[in-house]
Amino acid sequence: MRDAGPVVWITGAGGLLGHYLVRTAARCVPTWRVVGLTRPEADLTDPAAIERAWRRAPPELIIHCAALSKAVACEADPEQARAVNVVATSHLARMAAEIPFIFVSTDQVFDGSRSWYRETDPVSPLTFYGRSKAEAERIVLSNPRHTVVRTSLNAGLSPTGDRSFLEETLAVWRKGAPLRLFTDEFRCPIPASVTARAIWELAAQSATGLFHLAGSERLSRWEIGQLLAAHYPELHPRCVPGTLREYTGPPRSPDLSLDCARLQRRLSFPLPGFRAWLQAHPPRGSDTAWGPTPP
């Protein structure tokens, strides 16, 4: 990568994290030329479309955020999920064999049977989504130039308004409906703006290998809901506690907390706890405390 002005592709620019990466680039990497790719611009499952995009603007770094990330959708259509999450990733990684490539993965590559997973822990996904991301990770990490970043629940505002757990939560409350939340399922939520900043710092360092990137606080789904309810009292939010013992749906991992010490040593700022971040960023207007908003 050159010292200044590389061309950077962001796949999935119409999704949550891709949107934040594109919108924060001017502040985080002001001299870099960022090309945000959405499905209408380049269908990642169509190799010819990707090759045409490559000829138009050859990248010197790819940050690959695009994915079929809804676990239920992946279970319903595993063929499409594998086409997007594995096959398209493999094709991009091959094209990017000689340049840095950052693949955004998930905490759902683990089964949740313990707490504070490290990068050295073996993967054991419970869902097709997790299995597809774990398979793609192996492909990406077979190239020592490349990087995998596993992240957790990202909170923020997406262009379509339906890509983050925050948006899903607020949509339920705006309808006046209660939200059932597990008291025994744990994650490490993080604002998408913080995730984007950390990825830009990794990219600037040309860091390679495997990193965990999540909030520093382990919270249950119930605790997350309570924090958001206090953040949005005007919605008159209602939460109903539940437990995984009562749950009869598709597999869910009880504890996907991530140990991010390896990444933290590289960052210029501390990864925040979700509670402290919410306290420091009260809502302003239409939820603009979360940073980039849909255009």
C-alpha atoms as a PDB file:
ATOM      1  CA  MET A   1       0.000   0.000   0.000  1.00  0.00           C
ATOM      2  CA  ARG A   2       1.312   3.462  -0.864  1.00  0.00           C
ATOM      3  CA  ASP A   3       1.893   6.021   1.885  1.00  0.00           C
ATOM      4  CA  ALA A   4      -0.830   8.288   0.502  1.00  0.00           C
ATOM      5  CA  GLY A   5      -3.826   8.099  -1.750  1.00  0.00           C
ATOM      6  CA  PRO A   6      -4.529   4.381  -2.203  1.00  0.00           C
ATOM      7  CA  VAL A   7      -7.784   3.319  -3.834  1.00  0.00           C
ATOM      8  CA  VAL A   8      -9.876   1.439  -1.258  1.00  0.00           C
ATOM      9  CA  TRP A   9     -12.903  -0.684  -2.054  1.00  0.00           C
ATOM     10  CA  ILE A  10     -15.622  -0.993   0.589  1.00  0.00           C
ATOM     11  CA  THR A  11     -18.005  -3.810  -0.301  1.00  0.00           C
ATOM     12  CA  GLY A  12     -21.438  -3.740   1.255  1.00  0.00           C
ATOM     13  CA  ALA A  13     -21.437   0.058   1.276  1.00  0.00           C
ATOM     14  CA  GLY A  14     -25.232   0.019   1.462  1.00  0.00           C
ATOM     15  CA  GLY A  15     -25.166  -1.960   4.707  1.00  0.00           C
ATOM     16  CA  LEU A  16     -24.446  -0.869   8.251  1.00  0.00           C
ATOM     17  CA  LEU A  17     -20.679  -1.141   8.685  1.00  0.00           C
ATOM     18  CA  GLY A  18     -19.876  -0.457   5.034  1.00  0.00           C
ATOM     19  CA  HIS A  19     -21.912   2.751   5.291  1.00  0.00           C
ATOM     20  CA  TYR A  20     -19.968   3.856   8.364  1.00  0.00           C
ATOM     21  CA  LEU A  21     -16.628   3.060   6.759  1.00  0.00           C
ATOM     22  CA  VAL A  22     -17.468   5.131   3.685  1.00  0.00           C
ATOM     23  CA  ARG A  23     -18.832   8.050   5.704  1.00  0.00           C
ATOM     24  CA  THR A  24     -15.914   8.154   8.174  1.00  0.00           C
ATOM     25  CA  ALA A  25     -13.125   7.764   5.610  1.00  0.00           C
ATOM     26  CA  ALA A  26     -12.674  11.506   5.065  1.00  0.00           C
ATOM     27  CA  ARG A  27     -11.926  11.948   8.770  1.00  0.00           C
ATOM     28  CA  CYS A  28      -9.952   8.747   9.384  1.00  0.00           C
ATOM     29  CA  VAL A  29      -7.962   8.421   6.130  1.00  0.00           C
ATOM     30  CA  PRO A  30      -8.388  11.802   4.387  1.00  0.00           C
ATOM     31  CA  THR A  31      -5.925  11.167   1.555  1.00  0.00           C
ATOM     32  CA  TRP A  32      -7.323   7.781   0.555  1.00  0.00           C
ATOM     33  CA  ARG A  33      -9.756   7.385  -2.343  1.00  0.00           C
ATOM     34  CA  VAL A  34     -12.683   5.295  -1.138  1.00  0.00           C
ATOM     35  CA  VAL A  35     -14.944   3.459  -3.576  1.00  0.00           C
ATOM     36  CA  GLY A  36     -18.131   2.200  -1.934  1.00  0.00           C
ATOM     37  CA  LEU A  37     -19.631  -0.796  -3.739  1.00  0.00           C
ATOM     38  CA  THR A  38     -23.295  -1.729  -3.423  1.00  0.00           C
ATOM     39  CA  ARG A  39     -25.107  -4.603  -5.111  1.00  0.00           C
ATOM     40  CA  PRO A  40     -26.492  -2.472  -7.997  1.00  0.00           C
ATOM     41  CA  GLU A  41     -22.966  -1.261  -8.740  1.00  0.00           C
ATOM     42  CA  ALA A  42     -21.264  -4.647  -8.531  1.00  0.00           C
ATOM     43  CA  ASP A  43     -22.987  -7.942  -7.754  1.00  0.00           C
ATOM     44  CA  LEU A  44     -20.332  -9.836  -5.807  1.00  0.00           C
ATOM     45  CA  THR A  45     -21.823 -13.176  -6.872  1.00  0.00           C
ATOM     46  CA  ASP A  46     -21.104 -12.251 -10.516  1.00  0.00           C
ATOM     47  CA  PRO A  47     -17.340 -12.604 -11.149  1.00  0.00           C
ATOM     48  CA  ALA A  48     -17.592 -10.724 -14.461  1.00  0.00           C
ATOM     49  CA  ALA A  49     -19.177  -7.717 -12.705  1.00  0.00           C
ATOM     50  CA  ILE A  50     -16.362  -7.651 -10.151  1.00  0.00           C
ATOM     51  CA  GLU A  51     -13.726  -7.867 -12.857  1.00  0.00           C
ATOM     52  CA  ARG A  52     -15.340  -4.922 -14.690  1.00  0.00           C
ATOM     53  CA  ALA A  53     -15.334  -2.891 -11.468  1.00  0.00           C
ATOM     54  CA  TRP A  54     -11.678  -3.826 -10.954  1.00  0.00           C
ATOM     55  CA  ARG A  55     -10.757  -2.486 -14.379  1.00  0.00           C
ATOM     56  CA  ARG A  56     -12.616   0.787 -13.683  1.00  0.00           C
ATOM     57  CA  ALA A  57     -10.917   1.451 -10.338  1.00  0.00           C
ATOM     58  CA  PRO A  58      -8.209  -1.088  -9.419  1.00  0.00           C
ATOM     59  CA  PRO A  59      -8.061  -1.230  -5.602  1.00  0.00           C
ATOM     60  CA  GLU A  60      -4.945  -1.218  -3.450  1.00  0.00           C
ATOM     61  CA  LEU A  61      -6.965  -2.349  -0.420  1.00  0.00           C
ATOM     62  CA  ILE A  62     -10.326  -4.097  -0.103  1.00  0.00           C
ATOM     63  CA  ILE A  63     -12.441  -3.998   3.062  1.00  0.00           C
ATOM     64  CA  HIS A  64     -15.031  -6.705   2.522  1.00  0.00           C
ATOM     65  CA  CYS A  65     -18.182  -6.032   4.562  1.00  0.00           C
ATOM     66  CA  ALA A  66     -20.816  -7.428   2.205  1.00  0.00           C
ATOM     67  CA  ALA A  67     -22.582 -10.511   3.527  1.00  0.00           C
ATOM     68  CA  LEU A  68     -25.888 -12.245   3.974  1.00  0.00           C
ATOM     69  CA  SER A  69     -25.799 -11.675   7.711  1.00  0.00           C
ATOM     70  CA  LYS A  70     -29.290 -12.450   8.987  1.00  0.00           C
ATOM     71  CA  ALA A  71     -29.044 -15.901  10.538  1.00  0.00           C
ATOM     72  CA  VAL A  72     -32.676 -16.742   9.769  1.00  0.00           C
ATOM     73  CA  ALA A  73     -32.235 -15.808   6.099  1.00  0.00           C
ATOM     74  CA  CYS A  74     -29.103 -17.947   5.891  1.00  0.00           C
ATOM     75  CA  GLU A  75     -30.925 -20.969   7.334  1.00  0.00           C
ATOM     76  CA  ALA A  76     -33.805 -20.427   4.906  1.00  0.00           C
ATOM     77  CA  ASP A  77     -31.544 -20.179   1.832  1.00  0.00           C
ATOM     78  CA  PRO A  78     -28.152 -21.771   2.561  1.00  0.00           C
ATOM     79  CA  GLU A  79     -27.238 -21.905  -1.132  1.00  0.00           C
ATOM     80  CA  GLN A  80     -27.553 -18.131  -1.479  1.00  0.00           C
ATOM     81  CA  ALA A  81     -25.817 -17.591   1.849  1.00  0.00           C
ATOM     82  CA  ARG A  82     -22.845 -19.662   0.735  1.00  0.00           C
ATOM     83  CA  ALA A  83     -22.747 -17.895  -2.633  1.00  0.00           C
ATOM     84  CA  VAL A  84     -22.505 -14.504  -0.922  1.00  0.00           C
ATOM     85  CA  ASN A  85     -20.526 -15.327   2.214  1.00  0.00           C
ATOM     86  CA  VAL A  86     -18.093 -17.939   0.899  1.00  0.00           C
ATOM     87  CA  VAL A  87     -17.897 -18.086  -2.889  1.00  0.00           C
ATOM     88  CA  ALA A  88     -17.896 -14.313  -3.455  1.00  0.00           C
ATOM     89  CA  THR A  89     -15.365 -13.844  -0.654  1.00  0.00           C
ATOM     90  CA  SER A  90     -13.117 -16.503  -2.165  1.00  0.00           C
ATOM     91  CA  HIS A  91     -13.238 -14.834  -5.574  1.00  0.00           C
ATOM     92  CA  LEU A  92     -12.441 -11.394  -4.137  1.00  0.00           C
ATOM     93  CA  ALA A  93      -9.604 -12.788  -2.032  1.00  0.00           C
ATOM     94  CA  ARG A  94      -8.062 -14.439  -5.099  1.00  0.00           C
ATOM     95  CA  MET A  95      -8.286 -11.208  -7.067  1.00  0.00           C
ATOM     96  CA  ALA A  96      -6.723  -9.382  -4.123  1.00  0.00           C
ATOM     97  CA  ALA A  97      -3.916 -11.920  -3.699  1.00  0.00           C
ATOM     98  CA  GLU A  98      -1.202  -9.268  -3.960  1.00  0.00           C
ATOM     99  CA  ILE A  99      -2.869  -6.465  -1.977  1.00  0.00           C
ATOM    100  CA  PRO A 100      -4.222  -6.047   1.589  1.00  0.00           C
ATOM    101  CA  PHE A 101      -7.680  -7.541   2.086  1.00  0.00           C
ATOM    102  CA  ILE A 102      -9.722  -7.089   5.283  1.00  0.00           C
ATOM    103  CA  PHE A 103     -12.630  -9.495   5.749  1.00  0.00           C
ATOM    104  CA  VAL A 104     -15.300  -8.621   8.311  1.00  0.00           C
ATOM    105  CA  SER A 105     -16.440 -11.739  10.152  1.00  0.00           C
ATOM    106  CA  THR A 106     -18.563 -12.440  13.204  1.00  0.00           C
ATOM    107  CA  ASP A 107     -18.542 -13.664  16.793  1.00  0.00           C
ATOM    108  CA  GLN A 108     -21.031 -16.307  15.612  1.00  0.00           C
ATOM    109  CA  VAL A 109     -18.192 -18.556  14.487  1.00  0.00           C
ATOM    110  CA  PHE A 110     -18.239 -19.737  18.146  1.00  0.00           C
ATOM    111  CA  ASP A 111     -20.858 -21.890  19.874  1.00  0.00           C
ATOM    112  CA  GLY A 112     -21.142 -19.671  22.961  1.00  0.00           C
ATOM    113  CA  SER A 113     -20.323 -22.360  25.501  1.00  0.00           C
ATOM    114  CA  ARG A 114     -17.782 -20.136  27.305  1.00  0.00           C
ATOM    115  CA  SER A 115     -16.934 -16.443  27.783  1.00  0.00           C
ATOM    116  CA  TRP A 116     -14.345 -14.056  26.348  1.00  0.00           C
ATOM    117  CA  TYR A 117     -13.231 -15.933  23.247  1.00  0.00           C
ATOM    118  CA  ARG A 118      -9.708 -15.255  22.005  1.00  0.00           C
ATOM    119  CA  GLU A 119      -8.418 -15.447  18.464  1.00  0.00           C
ATOM    120  CA  THR A 120      -6.630 -18.707  19.303  1.00  0.00           C
ATOM    121  CA  ASP A 121      -9.835 -20.497  20.361  1.00  0.00           C
ATOM    122  CA  PRO A 122     -11.208 -23.079  17.899  1.00  0.00           C
ATOM    123  CA  VAL A 123     -14.361 -22.147  16.018  1.00  0.00           C
ATOM    124  CA  SER A 124     -17.534 -24.192  16.454  1.00  0.00           C
ATOM    125  CA  PRO A 125     -20.500 -22.372  14.858  1.00  0.00           C
ATOM    126  CA  LEU A 126     -24.070 -23.423  15.570  1.00  0.00           C
ATOM    127  CA  THR A 127     -25.728 -21.774  12.555  1.00  0.00           C
ATOM    128  CA  PHE A 128     -25.256 -21.851   8.798  1.00  0.00           C
ATOM    129  CA  TYR A 129     -24.369 -18.160   8.943  1.00  0.00           C
ATOM    130  CA  GLY A 130     -21.585 -18.883  11.413  1.00  0.00           C
ATOM    131  CA  ARG A 131     -20.373 -21.868   9.396  1.00  0.00           C
ATOM    132  CA  SER A 132     -20.272 -19.845   6.184  1.00  0.00           C
ATOM    133  CA  LYS A 133     -18.226 -17.090   7.841  1.00  0.00           C
ATOM    134  CA  ALA A 134     -15.850 -19.619   9.408  1.00  0.00           C
ATOM    135  CA  GLU A 135     -15.286 -21.222   5.999  1.00  0.00           C
ATOM    136  CA  ALA A 136     -14.622 -17.819   4.443  1.00  0.00           C
ATOM    137  CA  GLU A 137     -12.193 -16.966   7.256  1.00  0.00           C
ATOM    138  CA  ARG A 138     -10.069 -20.002   6.437  1.00  0.00           C
ATOM    139  CA  ILE A 139      -9.885 -18.966   2.783  1.00  0.00           C
ATOM    140  CA  VAL A 140      -8.901 -15.388   3.620  1.00  0.00           C
ATOM    141  CA  LEU A 141      -6.306 -16.311   6.235  1.00  0.00           C
ATOM    142  CA  SER A 142      -4.582 -18.717   3.850  1.00  0.00           C
ATOM    143  CA  ASN A 143      -2.959 -15.568   2.409  1.00  0.00           C
ATOM    144  CA  PRO A 144      -0.516 -13.968   4.895  1.00  0.00           C
ATOM    145  CA  ARG A 145      -1.216 -10.540   3.369  1.00  0.00           C
ATOM    146  CA  HIS A 146      -4.853 -10.716   4.459  1.00  0.00           C
ATOM    147  CA  THR A 147      -6.806  -9.904   7.603  1.00  0.00           C
ATOM    148  CA  VAL A 148      -9.957 -11.131   9.358  1.00  0.00           C
ATOM    149  CA  VAL A 149     -11.794  -8.925  11.841  1.00  0.00           C
ATOM    150  CA  ARG A 150     -14.459 -10.648  13.927  1.00  0.00           C
ATOM    151  CA  THR A 151     -16.976  -8.237  15.369  1.00  0.00           C
ATOM    152  CA  SER A 152     -20.128  -8.411  17.482  1.00  0.00           C
ATOM    153  CA  LEU A 153     -23.462  -6.579  17.649  1.00  0.00           C
ATOM    154  CA  ASN A 154     -22.920  -3.239  15.924  1.00  0.00           C
ATOM    155  CA  ALA A 155     -25.269  -0.397  16.805  1.00  0.00           C
ATOM    156  CA  GLY A 156     -25.975   2.380  14.358  1.00  0.00           C
ATOM    157  CA  LEU A 157     -28.109   3.645  11.495  1.00  0.00           C
ATOM    158  CA  SER A 158     -28.023   1.997   8.074  1.00  0.00           C
ATOM    159  CA  PRO A 159     -29.202   3.475   4.774  1.00  0.00           C
ATOM    160  CA  THR A 160     -32.093   0.998   4.644  1.00  0.00           C
ATOM    161  CA  GLY A 161     -32.991   1.446   8.312  1.00  0.00           C
ATOM    162  CA  ASP A 162     -33.077  -2.270   9.103  1.00  0.00           C
ATOM    163  CA  ARG A 163     -29.514  -3.593   9.322  1.00  0.00           C
ATOM    164  CA  SER A 164     -28.637  -3.159  13.015  1.00  0.00           C
ATOM    165  CA  PHE A 165     -30.026  -4.555  16.250  1.00  0.00           C
ATOM    166  CA  LEU A 166     -30.598  -0.939  17.332  1.00  0.00           C
ATOM    167  CA  GLU A 167     -32.856  -0.296  14.342  1.00  0.00           C
ATOM    168  CA  GLU A 168     -34.734  -3.554  14.925  1.00  0.00           C
ATOM    169  CA  THR A 169     -35.227  -2.672  18.592  1.00  0.00           C
ATOM    170  CA  LEU A 170     -36.475   0.840  17.904  1.00  0.00           C
ATOM    171  CA  ALA A 171     -38.830  -0.403  15.172  1.00  0.00           C
ATOM    172  CA  VAL A 172     -40.580  -2.692  17.671  1.00  0.00           C
ATOM    173  CA  TRP A 173     -40.925   0.049  20.264  1.00  0.00           C
ATOM    174  CA  ARG A 174     -42.208   2.576  17.731  1.00  0.00           C
ATOM    175  CA  LYS A 175     -45.040   0.149  17.001  1.00  0.00           C
ATOM    176  CA  GLY A 176     -45.858   0.093  20.716  1.00  0.00           C
ATOM    177  CA  ALA A 177     -45.024  -3.594  21.005  1.00  0.00           C
ATOM    178  CA  PRO A 178     -43.021  -5.227  23.822  1.00  0.00           C
ATOM    179  CA  LEU A 179     -39.622  -6.748  23.116  1.00  0.00           C
ATOM    180  CA  ARG A 180     -38.739 -10.158  24.561  1.00  0.00           C
ATOM    181  CA  LEU A 181     -35.051 -10.309  25.479  1.00  0.00           C
ATOM    182  CA  PHE A 182     -32.933 -13.137  26.888  1.00  0.00           C
ATOM    183  CA  THR A 183     -31.352 -12.672  30.291  1.00  0.00           C
ATOM    184  CA  ASP A 184     -28.862 -15.488  29.644  1.00  0.00           C
ATOM    185  CA  GLU A 185     -27.534 -14.640  26.163  1.00  0.00           C
ATOM    186  CA  PHE A 186     -24.438 -12.420  26.187  1.00  0.00           C
ATOM    187  CA  ARG A 187     -22.699 -10.239  23.587  1.00  0.00           C
ATOM    188  CA  CYS A 188     -20.271  -7.293  23.522  1.00  0.00           C
ATOM    189  CA  PRO A 189     -22.162  -4.565  21.623  1.00  0.00           C
ATOM    190  CA  ILE A 190     -20.240  -1.743  19.969  1.00  0.00           C
ATOM    191  CA  PRO A 191     -21.223   1.380  18.016  1.00  0.00           C
ATOM    192  CA  ALA A 192     -20.591   0.910  14.293  1.00  0.00           C
ATOM    193  CA  SER A 193     -18.752   4.245  14.245  1.00  0.00           C
ATOM    194  CA  VAL A 194     -16.191   2.819  16.688  1.00  0.00           C
ATOM    195  CA  THR A 195     -15.830  -0.376  14.645  1.00  0.00           C
ATOM    196  CA  ALA A 196     -15.196   1.689  11.521  1.00  0.00           C
ATOM    197  CA  ARG A 197     -12.546   3.802  13.271  1.00  0.00           C
ATOM    198  CA  ALA A 198     -10.741   0.686  14.513  1.00  0.00           C
ATOM    199  CA  ILE A 199     -10.775  -0.923  11.061  1.00  0.00           C
ATOM    200  CA  TRP A 200      -9.355   2.230   9.497  1.00  0.00           C
ATOM    201  CA  GLU A 201      -6.536   2.199  12.055  1.00  0.00           C
ATOM    202  CA  LEU A 202      -5.780  -1.451  11.270  1.00  0.00           C
ATOM    203  CA  ALA A 203      -5.790  -0.657   7.556  1.00  0.00           C
ATOM    204  CA  ALA A 204      -3.402   2.264   8.030  1.00  0.00           C
ATOM    205  CA  GLN A 205      -1.010  -0.052   9.892  1.00  0.00           C
ATOM    206  CA  SER A 206      -1.299  -2.759   7.198  1.00  0.00           C
ATOM    207  CA  ALA A 207      -2.049  -5.162  10.045  1.00  0.00           C
ATOM    208  CA  THR A 208      -2.578  -8.784   9.025  1.00  0.00           C
ATOM    209  CA  GLY A 209      -3.950 -11.902  10.683  1.00  0.00           C
ATOM    210  CA  LEU A 210      -6.964 -12.382  12.939  1.00  0.00           C
ATOM    211  CA  PHE A 211      -8.412  -9.777  15.318  1.00  0.00           C
ATOM    212  CA  HIS A 212     -11.442  -9.533  17.606  1.00  0.00           C
ATOM    213  CA  LEU A 213     -13.242  -6.180  17.568  1.00  0.00           C
ATOM    214  CA  ALA A 214     -16.135  -5.618  19.960  1.00  0.00           C
ATOM    215  CA  GLY A 215     -17.199  -3.544  22.926  1.00  0.00           C
ATOM    216  CA  SER A 216     -15.325  -3.976  26.194  1.00  0.00           C
ATOM    217  CA  GLU A 217     -18.466  -4.809  28.198  1.00  0.00           C
ATOM    218  CA  ARG A 218     -20.214  -8.211  28.295  1.00  0.00           C
ATOM    219  CA  LEU A 219     -23.971  -7.640  28.459  1.00  0.00           C
ATOM    220  CA  SER A 220     -27.037  -9.849  28.235  1.00  0.00           C
ATOM    221  CA  ARG A 221     -29.650  -9.123  25.612  1.00  0.00           C
ATOM    222  CA  TRP A 222     -31.887  -8.037  28.484  1.00  0.00           C
ATOM    223  CA  GLU A 223     -29.272  -5.604  29.804  1.00  0.00           C
ATOM    224  CA  ILE A 224     -28.757  -4.167  26.325  1.00  0.00           C
ATOM    225  CA  GLY A 225     -32.495  -3.622  25.994  1.00  0.00           C
ATOM    226  CA  GLN A 226     -32.690  -1.934  29.381  1.00  0.00           C
ATOM    227  CA  LEU A 227     -29.882   0.445  28.432  1.00  0.00           C
ATOM    228  CA  LEU A 228     -31.563   1.351  25.155  1.00  0.00           C
ATOM    229  CA  ALA A 229     -34.928   1.768  26.872  1.00  0.00           C
ATOM    230  CA  ALA A 230     -33.370   4.320  29.219  1.00  0.00           C
ATOM    231  CA  HIS A 231     -31.816   6.022  26.181  1.00  0.00           C
ATOM    232  CA  TYR A 232     -35.158   6.381  24.356  1.00  0.00           C
ATOM    233  CA  PRO A 233     -37.822   7.024  27.034  1.00  0.00           C
ATOM    234  CA  GLU A 234     -39.953   8.984  24.564  1.00  0.00           C
ATOM    235  CA  LEU A 235     -40.772   5.694  22.810  1.00  0.00           C
ATOM    236  CA  HIS A 236     -42.309   4.284  26.024  1.00  0.00           C
ATOM    237  CA  PRO A 237     -40.278   1.109  25.512  1.00  0.00           C
ATOM    238  CA  ARG A 238     -41.332  -2.194  27.013  1.00  0.00           C
ATOM    239  CA  CYS A 239     -39.028  -5.181  27.586  1.00  0.00           C
ATOM    240  CA  VAL A 240     -40.093  -8.669  28.646  1.00  0.00           C
ATOM    241  CA  PRO A 241     -37.412 -10.979  30.091  1.00  0.00           C
ATOM    242  CA  GLY A 242     -36.942 -14.450  28.654  1.00  0.00           C
ATOM    243  CA  THR A 243     -34.385 -17.260  28.858  1.00  0.00           C
ATOM    244  CA  LEU A 244     -32.782 -19.635  26.400  1.00  0.00           C
ATOM    245  CA  ARG A 245     -34.208 -22.499  28.453  1.00  0.00           C
ATOM    246  CA  GLU A 246     -37.660 -21.481  27.230  1.00  0.00           C
ATOM    247  CA  TYR A 247     -36.577 -20.853  23.644  1.00  0.00           C
ATOM    248  CA  THR A 248     -37.576 -23.342  20.923  1.00  0.00           C
ATOM    249  CA  GLY A 249     -36.352 -21.635  17.712  1.00  0.00           C
ATOM    250  CA  PRO A 250     -33.164 -22.015  15.647  1.00  0.00           C
ATOM    251  CA  PRO A 251     -29.858 -22.459  17.519  1.00  0.00           C
ATOM    252  CA  ARG A 252     -28.570 -19.497  19.533  1.00  0.00           C
ATOM    253  CA  SER A 253     -25.151 -19.148  21.157  1.00  0.00           C
ATOM    254  CA  PRO A 254     -25.422 -18.298  24.871  1.00  0.00           C
ATOM    255  CA  ASP A 255     -22.198 -16.291  25.262  1.00  0.00           C
ATOM    256  CA  LEU A 256     -20.286 -14.700  22.407  1.00  0.00           C
ATOM    257  CA  SER A 257     -18.202 -12.242  24.394  1.00  0.00           C
ATOM    258  CA  LEU A 258     -14.889 -11.488  22.675  1.00  0.00           C
ATOM    259  CA  ASP A 259     -11.466 -10.818  24.170  1.00  0.00           C
ATOM    260  CA  CYS A 260     -10.114  -7.895  22.118  1.00  0.00           C
ATOM    261  CA  ALA A 261      -6.750  -7.456  23.861  1.00  0.00           C
ATOM    262  CA  ARG A 262      -4.744  -8.266  20.718  1.00  0.00           C
ATOM    263  CA  LEU A 263      -6.458  -5.519  18.755  1.00  0.00           C
ATOM    264  CA  GLN A 264      -6.537  -3.070  21.653  1.00  0.00           C
ATOM    265  CA  ARG A 265      -2.748  -3.014  21.775  1.00  0.00           C
ATOM    266  CA  ARG A 266      -2.746  -1.619  18.227  1.00  0.00           C
ATOM    267  CA  LEU A 267      -5.397   1.073  18.667  1.00  0.00           C
ATOM    268  CA  SER A 268      -4.901   4.723  19.589  1.00  0.00           C
ATOM    269  CA  PHE A 269      -8.122   4.731  21.656  1.00  0.00           C
ATOM    270  CA  PRO A 270      -9.819   2.379  24.131  1.00  0.00           C
ATOM    271  CA  LEU A 271     -12.642   0.193  22.892  1.00  0.00           C
ATOM    272  CA  PRO A 272     -15.640   1.457  24.886  1.00  0.00           C
ATOM    273  CA  GLY A 273     -18.160  -0.360  26.990  1.00  0.00           C
ATOM    274  CA  PHE A 274     -21.664   0.057  25.619  1.00  0.00           C
ATOM    275  CA  ARG A 275     -23.053   1.512  28.838  1.00  0.00           C
ATOM    276  CA  ALA A 276     -20.385   4.211  29.051  1.00  0.00           C
ATOM    277  CA  TRP A 277     -20.698   5.038  25.364  1.00  0.00           C
ATOM    278  CA  LEU A 278     -24.459   5.572  25.654  1.00  0.00           C
ATOM    279  CA  GLN A 279     -23.985   7.816  28.668  1.00  0.00           C
ATOM    280  CA  ALA A 280     -21.445   9.922  26.755  1.00  0.00           C
ATOM    281  CA  HIS A 281     -23.609  10.154  23.612  1.00  0.00           C
ATOM    282  CA  PRO A 282     -27.192  11.159  24.470  1.00  0.00           C
ATOM    283  CA  PRO A 283     -29.688  11.118  21.584  1.00  0.00           C
ATOM    284  CA  ARG A 284     -29.788  14.264  19.470  1.00  0.00           C
ATOM    285  CA  GLY A 285     -32.713  14.833  17.152  1.00  0.00           C
ATOM    286  CA  SER A 286     -33.415  11.728  15.103  1.00  0.00           C
ATOM    287  CA  ASP A 287     -30.858   9.446  16.772  1.00  0.00           C
ATOM    288  CA  THR A 288     -27.930  11.370  15.254  1.00  0.00           C
ATOM    289  CA  ALA A 289     -25.785  10.561  18.299  1.00  0.00           C
ATOM    290  CA  TRP A 290     -24.902   7.372  16.427  1.00  0.00           C
ATOM    291  CA  GLY A 291     -22.876   9.232  13.832  1.00  0.00           C
ATOM    292  CA  PRO A 292     -23.389   8.818  10.067  1.00  0.00           C
ATOM    293  CA  THR A 293     -27.016   8.916   9.072  1.00  0.00           C
ATOM    294  CA  PRO A 294     -28.673   7.719   5.875  1.00  0.00           C
ATOM    295  CA  PRO A 295     -28.271  10.186   2.986  1.00  0.00           C
END
